[in-house]
Amino acid sequence: MRLASAFTPRAMVVATSILLVAPATAADPLSAVGGDKMAVQAEKLEVDVSGGSAVLTGNVSLSKGDLKVLCPRIDLRFDTSPHITWIKGSGGVSADVRGVHGEAPEVEADLSRQTLELRGGVRLARGNGWLQAEKATIDMATAKVTLTQVKGSVPVPK
């Protein structure tokens, strides 16, 4: 069942729960960026309560603490709690966190595995330094970043 603008009361509760994520805990892979909830803005939200999925479209903005993500579309899956378990941003994604700006055609986060993957030509920049890669994989638990097909420029002290 797809619900666009007319929500049943249960769908409204589920949608609100999805969009206002519960306070961060040690198990929350996004707790490192701070804040106790995720703010979401989009032109349209479609929720499939029984299927455990939602689609946000049109100038989508997600922010939580130091993290801000902008893109045209975000697909997400949630469990019965409802906690978000998977997120995919597409159509050209830009993200900013703690002075690092990233851009990629798409991003996918598996929150149960605590991984974030940017694909399709990634560009990361901080200050005068920048890196380009075909793919960037980030382990959110350890903050380990793995890049493939990399080139870039990193400033060195004079």
N, C-alpha and C. Protein backbone atom coordinates (compact mmCIF):
# COMPACT_ATOMS: atom_id res chain seq x y z
N MET A 1 0.84 -1.17 0.00
CA MET A 1 0.00 0.00 0.00
C MET A 1 0.89 1.24 0.00
N ARG A 2 0.78 2.06 -1.01
CA ARG A 2 1.54 3.32 -1.10
C ARG A 2 0.68 4.45 -0.56
N LEU A 3 1.26 5.27 0.28
CA LEU A 3 0.56 6.41 0.84
C LEU A 3 1.31 7.66 0.45
N ALA A 4 0.68 8.56 -0.26
CA ALA A 4 1.37 9.77 -0.70
C ALA A 4 1.07 10.92 0.25
N SER A 5 -0.04 11.59 0.07
CA SER A 5 -0.29 12.76 0.91
C SER A 5 -1.36 12.52 1.96
N ALA A 6 -2.24 11.55 1.77
CA ALA A 6 -3.28 11.27 2.75
C ALA A 6 -2.85 10.09 3.61
N PHE A 7 -2.41 10.36 4.83
CA PHE A 7 -1.91 9.33 5.74
C PHE A 7 -3.03 8.83 6.64
N THR A 8 -3.05 7.53 6.93
CA THR A 8 -3.89 7.01 7.99
C THR A 8 -3.19 7.38 9.30
N PRO A 9 -3.89 7.34 10.43
CA PRO A 9 -3.22 7.68 11.69
C PRO A 9 -1.99 6.81 11.95
N ARG A 10 -2.06 5.49 11.68
CA ARG A 10 -0.91 4.61 11.90
C ARG A 10 0.24 5.01 10.97
N ALA A 11 -0.06 5.31 9.73
CA ALA A 11 0.99 5.71 8.79
C ALA A 11 1.65 7.00 9.24
N MET A 12 0.86 7.93 9.77
CA MET A 12 1.42 9.19 10.24
C MET A 12 2.36 8.95 11.42
N VAL A 13 1.98 8.04 12.33
CA VAL A 13 2.85 7.71 13.47
C VAL A 13 4.15 7.09 12.97
N VAL A 14 4.04 6.14 12.03
CA VAL A 14 5.24 5.49 11.48
C VAL A 14 6.12 6.52 10.77
N ALA A 15 5.52 7.36 9.93
CA ALA A 15 6.30 8.37 9.20
C ALA A 15 6.99 9.33 10.17
N THR A 16 6.26 9.76 11.19
CA THR A 16 6.86 10.66 12.17
C THR A 16 7.99 9.98 12.91
N SER A 17 7.80 8.71 13.27
CA SER A 17 8.85 7.97 13.97
C SER A 17 10.09 7.81 13.11
N ILE A 18 9.88 7.57 11.82
CA ILE A 18 11.02 7.42 10.91
C ILE A 18 11.80 8.73 10.84
N LEU A 19 11.09 9.82 10.72
CA LEU A 19 11.74 11.10 10.48
C LEU A 19 12.33 11.72 11.74
N LEU A 20 11.81 11.38 12.87
CA LEU A 20 12.35 11.89 14.13
C LEU A 20 12.99 10.74 14.87
N VAL A 21 14.18 10.39 14.46
CA VAL A 21 14.89 9.24 15.00
C VAL A 21 15.07 9.41 16.50
N ALA A 22 14.94 8.31 17.23
CA ALA A 22 15.06 8.32 18.68
C ALA A 22 16.44 8.80 19.12
N PRO A 23 16.60 9.18 20.38
CA PRO A 23 17.89 9.65 20.86
C PRO A 23 19.01 8.67 20.53
N ALA A 24 20.18 9.22 20.25
CA ALA A 24 21.33 8.41 19.87
C ALA A 24 21.75 7.52 21.03
N THR A 25 22.14 6.29 20.70
CA THR A 25 22.66 5.36 21.68
C THR A 25 23.98 4.84 21.16
N ALA A 26 24.64 4.00 21.95
CA ALA A 26 25.91 3.43 21.51
C ALA A 26 25.72 2.59 20.26
N ALA A 27 24.51 2.03 20.06
CA ALA A 27 24.25 1.22 18.88
C ALA A 27 23.91 2.07 17.66
N ASP A 28 23.74 3.35 17.84
CA ASP A 28 23.38 4.25 16.74
C ASP A 28 24.63 4.61 15.95
N PRO A 29 24.75 4.12 14.69
CA PRO A 29 25.96 4.41 13.93
C PRO A 29 26.11 5.88 13.58
N LEU A 30 25.06 6.66 13.68
CA LEU A 30 25.14 8.09 13.37
C LEU A 30 25.36 8.93 14.62
N SER A 31 25.51 8.29 15.78
CA SER A 31 25.67 9.06 17.02
C SER A 31 26.96 9.88 17.03
N ALA A 32 27.95 9.46 16.26
CA ALA A 32 29.23 10.18 16.24
C ALA A 32 29.11 11.59 15.67
N VAL A 33 28.09 11.84 14.84
CA VAL A 33 27.94 13.18 14.26
C VAL A 33 27.13 14.10 15.16
N GLY A 34 26.62 13.58 16.27
CA GLY A 34 25.94 14.40 17.26
C GLY A 34 24.47 14.60 16.98
N GLY A 35 23.82 15.26 17.91
CA GLY A 35 22.40 15.52 17.79
C GLY A 35 21.60 14.31 18.22
N ASP A 36 20.36 14.54 18.69
CA ASP A 36 19.58 13.41 19.14
C ASP A 36 18.47 13.03 18.17
N LYS A 37 18.32 13.75 17.09
CA LYS A 37 17.34 13.36 16.08
C LYS A 37 17.80 13.80 14.71
N MET A 38 17.21 13.19 13.70
CA MET A 38 17.54 13.51 12.32
C MET A 38 16.44 14.42 11.77
N ALA A 39 16.81 15.58 11.26
CA ALA A 39 15.85 16.49 10.65
C ALA A 39 15.75 16.17 9.17
N VAL A 40 14.54 16.14 8.65
CA VAL A 40 14.31 15.77 7.26
C VAL A 40 13.41 16.80 6.61
N GLN A 41 13.73 17.13 5.36
CA GLN A 41 12.88 18.02 4.58
C GLN A 41 12.84 17.49 3.15
N ALA A 42 11.66 17.48 2.54
CA ALA A 42 11.49 17.03 1.16
C ALA A 42 10.18 17.60 0.63
N GLU A 43 10.06 17.63 -0.69
CA GLU A 43 8.81 18.09 -1.29
C GLU A 43 7.73 17.03 -1.20
N LYS A 44 8.13 15.74 -1.18
CA LYS A 44 7.14 14.66 -1.16
C LYS A 44 7.68 13.48 -0.37
N LEU A 45 6.81 12.84 0.40
CA LEU A 45 7.13 11.63 1.15
C LEU A 45 6.08 10.58 0.83
N GLU A 46 6.53 9.40 0.42
CA GLU A 46 5.64 8.26 0.21
C GLU A 46 6.09 7.16 1.17
N VAL A 47 5.15 6.62 1.95
CA VAL A 47 5.47 5.59 2.92
C VAL A 47 4.67 4.34 2.62
N ASP A 48 5.34 3.19 2.58
CA ASP A 48 4.69 1.89 2.48
C ASP A 48 4.87 1.23 3.84
N VAL A 49 3.88 1.39 4.71
CA VAL A 49 3.99 0.92 6.09
C VAL A 49 4.18 -0.59 6.13
N SER A 50 3.34 -1.33 5.41
CA SER A 50 3.44 -2.79 5.45
C SER A 50 4.72 -3.30 4.82
N GLY A 51 5.27 -2.58 3.85
CA GLY A 51 6.52 -2.98 3.20
C GLY A 51 7.76 -2.48 3.91
N GLY A 52 7.60 -1.59 4.87
CA GLY A 52 8.74 -1.08 5.63
C GLY A 52 9.66 -0.21 4.80
N SER A 53 9.08 0.61 3.91
CA SER A 53 9.92 1.46 3.07
C SER A 53 9.30 2.84 2.92
N ALA A 54 10.14 3.78 2.52
CA ALA A 54 9.69 5.15 2.27
C ALA A 54 10.57 5.76 1.20
N VAL A 55 10.01 6.72 0.48
CA VAL A 55 10.74 7.45 -0.56
C VAL A 55 10.51 8.94 -0.33
N LEU A 56 11.60 9.69 -0.24
CA LEU A 56 11.53 11.14 -0.14
C LEU A 56 12.05 11.70 -1.45
N THR A 57 11.33 12.64 -2.04
CA THR A 57 11.76 13.22 -3.32
C THR A 57 11.61 14.73 -3.30
N GLY A 58 12.41 15.37 -4.14
CA GLY A 58 12.34 16.81 -4.32
C GLY A 58 13.10 17.59 -3.27
N ASN A 59 14.30 18.04 -3.61
CA ASN A 59 15.12 18.85 -2.70
C ASN A 59 15.20 18.25 -1.30
N VAL A 60 15.61 16.99 -1.24
CA VAL A 60 15.68 16.28 0.03
C VAL A 60 16.89 16.77 0.83
N SER A 61 16.64 17.02 2.09
CA SER A 61 17.69 17.45 3.02
C SER A 61 17.57 16.63 4.29
N LEU A 62 18.69 16.00 4.69
CA LEU A 62 18.76 15.28 5.96
C LEU A 62 19.87 15.93 6.77
N SER A 63 19.63 16.15 8.05
CA SER A 63 20.72 16.65 8.89
C SER A 63 20.59 16.04 10.28
N LYS A 64 21.76 15.74 10.83
CA LYS A 64 21.85 15.19 12.19
C LYS A 64 23.17 15.65 12.76
N GLY A 65 23.11 16.51 13.75
CA GLY A 65 24.34 17.02 14.34
C GLY A 65 25.20 17.71 13.30
N ASP A 66 26.43 17.23 13.13
CA ASP A 66 27.38 17.81 12.18
C ASP A 66 27.16 17.37 10.74
N LEU A 67 26.29 16.41 10.51
CA LEU A 67 26.09 15.83 9.17
C LEU A 67 24.92 16.48 8.46
N LYS A 68 25.15 16.88 7.19
CA LYS A 68 24.06 17.40 6.35
C LYS A 68 24.18 16.76 4.98
N VAL A 69 23.09 16.19 4.48
CA VAL A 69 23.05 15.52 3.18
C VAL A 69 21.96 16.16 2.34
N LEU A 70 22.28 16.47 1.07
CA LEU A 70 21.32 17.03 0.12
C LEU A 70 21.30 16.17 -1.13
N CYS A 71 20.12 15.86 -1.65
CA CYS A 71 20.00 15.14 -2.92
C CYS A 71 18.54 15.19 -3.38
N PRO A 72 18.30 14.80 -4.64
CA PRO A 72 16.94 14.83 -5.16
C PRO A 72 16.03 13.72 -4.63
N ARG A 73 16.63 12.56 -4.23
CA ARG A 73 15.80 11.41 -3.83
C ARG A 73 16.51 10.58 -2.77
N ILE A 74 15.73 10.14 -1.79
CA ILE A 74 16.23 9.18 -0.79
C ILE A 74 15.20 8.08 -0.64
N ASP A 75 15.67 6.85 -0.81
CA ASP A 75 14.87 5.66 -0.52
C ASP A 75 15.36 5.13 0.82
N LEU A 76 14.44 4.64 1.65
CA LEU A 76 14.88 4.06 2.90
C LEU A 76 14.00 2.89 3.29
N ARG A 77 14.58 2.02 4.12
CA ARG A 77 13.85 0.88 4.68
C ARG A 77 13.90 1.00 6.20
N PHE A 78 12.84 0.53 6.83
CA PHE A 78 12.78 0.57 8.29
C PHE A 78 12.20 -0.73 8.81
N ASP A 79 12.55 -1.04 10.07
CA ASP A 79 12.02 -2.25 10.70
C ASP A 79 10.75 -1.91 11.46
N THR A 80 10.25 -2.84 12.24
CA THR A 80 8.98 -2.63 12.94
C THR A 80 9.09 -1.73 14.16
N SER A 81 10.30 -1.32 14.54
CA SER A 81 10.49 -0.50 15.75
C SER A 81 9.85 0.89 15.67
N PRO A 82 9.85 1.71 14.69
CA PRO A 82 10.56 1.64 13.42
C PRO A 82 11.91 2.36 13.49
N HIS A 83 12.95 1.64 13.22
CA HIS A 83 14.29 2.21 13.08
C HIS A 83 14.70 2.10 11.62
N ILE A 84 15.35 3.12 11.12
CA ILE A 84 15.85 3.09 9.75
C ILE A 84 17.00 2.09 9.69
N THR A 85 16.94 1.16 8.71
CA THR A 85 17.97 0.14 8.57
C THR A 85 18.82 0.32 7.32
N TRP A 86 18.30 1.02 6.31
CA TRP A 86 19.00 1.17 5.03
C TRP A 86 18.56 2.48 4.40
N ILE A 87 19.51 3.19 3.79
CA ILE A 87 19.22 4.46 3.12
C ILE A 87 19.99 4.50 1.81
N LYS A 88 19.34 4.98 0.75
CA LYS A 88 20.03 5.20 -0.53
C LYS A 88 19.64 6.58 -1.04
N GLY A 89 20.64 7.43 -1.25
CA GLY A 89 20.44 8.74 -1.84
C GLY A 89 20.89 8.70 -3.29
N SER A 90 20.12 9.30 -4.19
CA SER A 90 20.48 9.25 -5.61
C SER A 90 20.14 10.56 -6.31
N GLY A 91 20.67 10.67 -7.53
CA GLY A 91 20.42 11.85 -8.35
C GLY A 91 21.44 12.94 -8.17
N GLY A 92 22.55 12.63 -7.50
CA GLY A 92 23.58 13.62 -7.20
C GLY A 92 23.50 14.00 -5.74
N VAL A 93 24.40 13.48 -4.95
CA VAL A 93 24.38 13.64 -3.51
C VAL A 93 25.53 14.54 -3.07
N SER A 94 25.25 15.48 -2.18
CA SER A 94 26.33 16.24 -1.55
C SER A 94 26.16 16.10 -0.04
N ALA A 95 27.29 15.97 0.65
CA ALA A 95 27.26 15.80 2.10
C ALA A 95 28.37 16.62 2.72
N ASP A 96 28.09 17.17 3.89
CA ASP A 96 29.07 17.93 4.65
C ASP A 96 29.08 17.41 6.07
N VAL A 97 30.28 17.13 6.58
CA VAL A 97 30.44 16.73 7.97
C VAL A 97 31.80 17.18 8.46
N ARG A 98 31.80 17.96 9.52
CA ARG A 98 33.03 18.41 10.18
C ARG A 98 34.09 18.95 9.23
N GLY A 99 33.69 19.83 8.33
CA GLY A 99 34.65 20.47 7.43
C GLY A 99 35.00 19.68 6.19
N VAL A 100 34.46 18.49 6.03
CA VAL A 100 34.70 17.68 4.83
C VAL A 100 33.45 17.75 3.97
N HIS A 101 33.65 18.11 2.69
CA HIS A 101 32.55 18.16 1.73
C HIS A 101 32.71 16.99 0.77
N GLY A 102 31.65 16.23 0.57
CA GLY A 102 31.69 15.09 -0.34
C GLY A 102 30.59 15.19 -1.37
N GLU A 103 30.89 14.72 -2.59
CA GLU A 103 29.89 14.67 -3.66
C GLU A 103 30.01 13.34 -4.37
N ALA A 104 28.86 12.78 -4.77
CA ALA A 104 28.83 11.53 -5.53
C ALA A 104 27.46 11.40 -6.19
N PRO A 105 27.39 10.62 -7.28
CA PRO A 105 26.08 10.40 -7.89
C PRO A 105 25.10 9.69 -6.96
N GLU A 106 25.61 8.76 -6.11
CA GLU A 106 24.72 8.08 -5.18
C GLU A 106 25.47 7.67 -3.93
N VAL A 107 24.70 7.49 -2.86
CA VAL A 107 25.24 7.03 -1.58
C VAL A 107 24.29 5.98 -1.02
N GLU A 108 24.87 4.97 -0.39
CA GLU A 108 24.06 3.92 0.23
C GLU A 108 24.61 3.64 1.62
N ALA A 109 23.72 3.58 2.60
CA ALA A 109 24.11 3.29 3.98
C ALA A 109 23.33 2.08 4.47
N ASP A 110 24.07 1.08 4.95
CA ASP A 110 23.47 -0.08 5.60
C ASP A 110 23.72 0.11 7.09
N LEU A 111 22.70 0.56 7.81
CA LEU A 111 22.90 0.92 9.21
C LEU A 111 23.08 -0.29 10.11
N SER A 112 22.57 -1.45 9.71
CA SER A 112 22.80 -2.65 10.52
C SER A 112 24.25 -3.10 10.43
N ARG A 113 24.87 -2.94 9.26
CA ARG A 113 26.30 -3.27 9.09
C ARG A 113 27.20 -2.08 9.39
N GLN A 114 26.61 -0.91 9.59
CA GLN A 114 27.32 0.33 9.87
C GLN A 114 28.31 0.69 8.77
N THR A 115 27.85 0.57 7.52
CA THR A 115 28.69 0.95 6.38
C THR A 115 28.00 2.02 5.55
N LEU A 116 28.81 2.88 4.97
CA LEU A 116 28.35 3.94 4.09
C LEU A 116 29.20 3.86 2.83
N GLU A 117 28.56 3.80 1.68
CA GLU A 117 29.30 3.68 0.42
C GLU A 117 28.84 4.76 -0.55
N LEU A 118 29.81 5.54 -1.04
CA LEU A 118 29.56 6.54 -2.08
C LEU A 118 30.08 5.94 -3.38
N ARG A 119 29.29 6.04 -4.46
CA ARG A 119 29.66 5.38 -5.71
C ARG A 119 29.47 6.30 -6.91
N GLY A 120 30.18 5.91 -7.99
CA GLY A 120 29.96 6.53 -9.28
C GLY A 120 30.79 7.76 -9.56
N GLY A 121 31.88 7.92 -8.87
CA GLY A 121 32.72 9.11 -9.02
C GLY A 121 32.56 10.00 -7.82
N VAL A 122 33.40 9.80 -6.84
CA VAL A 122 33.32 10.48 -5.55
C VAL A 122 34.35 11.60 -5.50
N ARG A 123 33.98 12.71 -4.93
CA ARG A 123 34.93 13.80 -4.70
C ARG A 123 34.81 14.22 -3.24
N LEU A 124 35.93 14.19 -2.53
CA LEU A 124 35.99 14.63 -1.14
C LEU A 124 36.94 15.82 -1.06
N ALA A 125 36.57 16.84 -0.33
CA ALA A 125 37.42 18.03 -0.20
C ALA A 125 37.39 18.54 1.23
N ARG A 126 38.56 19.01 1.66
CA ARG A 126 38.68 19.67 2.96
C ARG A 126 39.78 20.71 2.82
N GLY A 127 39.43 21.97 3.03
CA GLY A 127 40.41 23.04 2.84
C GLY A 127 40.91 23.02 1.41
N ASN A 128 42.25 23.04 1.22
CA ASN A 128 42.83 23.00 -0.12
C ASN A 128 43.09 21.59 -0.62
N GLY A 129 42.79 20.59 0.18
CA GLY A 129 43.01 19.21 -0.24
C GLY A 129 41.76 18.60 -0.85
N TRP A 130 41.98 17.66 -1.77
CA TRP A 130 40.85 16.98 -2.39
C TRP A 130 41.27 15.58 -2.84
N LEU A 131 40.30 14.69 -2.90
CA LEU A 131 40.50 13.34 -3.40
C LEU A 131 39.34 12.99 -4.32
N GLN A 132 39.66 12.30 -5.40
CA GLN A 132 38.63 11.76 -6.28
C GLN A 132 38.79 10.25 -6.29
N ALA A 133 37.68 9.53 -6.32
CA ALA A 133 37.72 8.07 -6.33
C ALA A 133 36.49 7.55 -7.04
N GLU A 134 36.59 6.34 -7.54
CA GLU A 134 35.41 5.70 -8.13
C GLU A 134 34.41 5.33 -7.03
N LYS A 135 34.95 4.90 -5.88
CA LYS A 135 34.09 4.47 -4.79
C LYS A 135 34.76 4.77 -3.45
N ALA A 136 33.97 5.15 -2.47
CA ALA A 136 34.46 5.34 -1.10
C ALA A 136 33.56 4.54 -0.17
N THR A 137 34.17 3.71 0.67
CA THR A 137 33.44 2.93 1.65
C THR A 137 33.89 3.37 3.04
N ILE A 138 32.92 3.68 3.89
CA ILE A 138 33.22 4.17 5.23
C ILE A 138 32.60 3.22 6.24
N ASP A 139 33.42 2.70 7.14
CA ASP A 139 32.94 1.91 8.27
C ASP A 139 32.59 2.91 9.36
N MET A 140 31.29 3.07 9.64
CA MET A 140 30.86 4.10 10.57
C MET A 140 31.26 3.80 12.01
N ALA A 141 31.47 2.53 12.34
CA ALA A 141 31.86 2.17 13.71
C ALA A 141 33.31 2.54 13.99
N THR A 142 34.18 2.40 12.98
CA THR A 142 35.61 2.63 13.19
C THR A 142 36.12 3.90 12.51
N ALA A 143 35.29 4.51 11.65
CA ALA A 143 35.66 5.68 10.85
C ALA A 143 36.76 5.35 9.83
N LYS A 144 36.93 4.09 9.51
CA LYS A 144 37.90 3.68 8.49
C LYS A 144 37.30 3.94 7.11
N VAL A 145 38.08 4.60 6.25
CA VAL A 145 37.64 4.93 4.90
C VAL A 145 38.50 4.17 3.90
N THR A 146 37.87 3.53 2.94
CA THR A 146 38.57 2.83 1.87
C THR A 146 38.14 3.43 0.55
N LEU A 147 39.12 3.90 -0.25
CA LEU A 147 38.84 4.49 -1.56
C LEU A 147 39.43 3.60 -2.64
N THR A 148 38.75 3.51 -3.79
CA THR A 148 39.29 2.76 -4.93
C THR A 148 39.43 3.70 -6.12
N GLN A 149 40.46 3.44 -6.96
CA GLN A 149 40.75 4.26 -8.14
C GLN A 149 40.89 5.73 -7.72
N VAL A 150 41.90 6.01 -6.91
CA VAL A 150 42.05 7.30 -6.23
C VAL A 150 43.08 8.20 -6.91
N LYS A 151 42.78 9.50 -6.93
CA LYS A 151 43.77 10.53 -7.26
C LYS A 151 43.38 11.76 -6.48
N GLY A 152 44.34 12.67 -6.29
CA GLY A 152 44.00 13.86 -5.53
C GLY A 152 45.18 14.74 -5.25
N SER A 153 44.94 15.71 -4.39
CA SER A 153 45.95 16.68 -4.00
C SER A 153 45.81 16.92 -2.50
N VAL A 154 46.92 16.71 -1.78
CA VAL A 154 46.91 16.88 -0.34
C VAL A 154 47.96 17.92 0.01
N PRO A 155 47.58 19.03 0.66
CA PRO A 155 48.56 20.06 1.00
C PRO A 155 49.57 19.55 2.03
N VAL A 156 50.80 20.02 1.90
CA VAL A 156 51.86 19.68 2.86
C VAL A 156 52.40 20.98 3.45
N PRO A 157 52.90 20.93 4.68
CA PRO A 157 53.44 22.15 5.29
C PRO A 157 54.66 22.64 4.53
N LYS A 158 54.87 23.96 4.52
CA LYS A 158 56.01 24.55 3.83
C LYS A 158 57.25 24.45 4.66
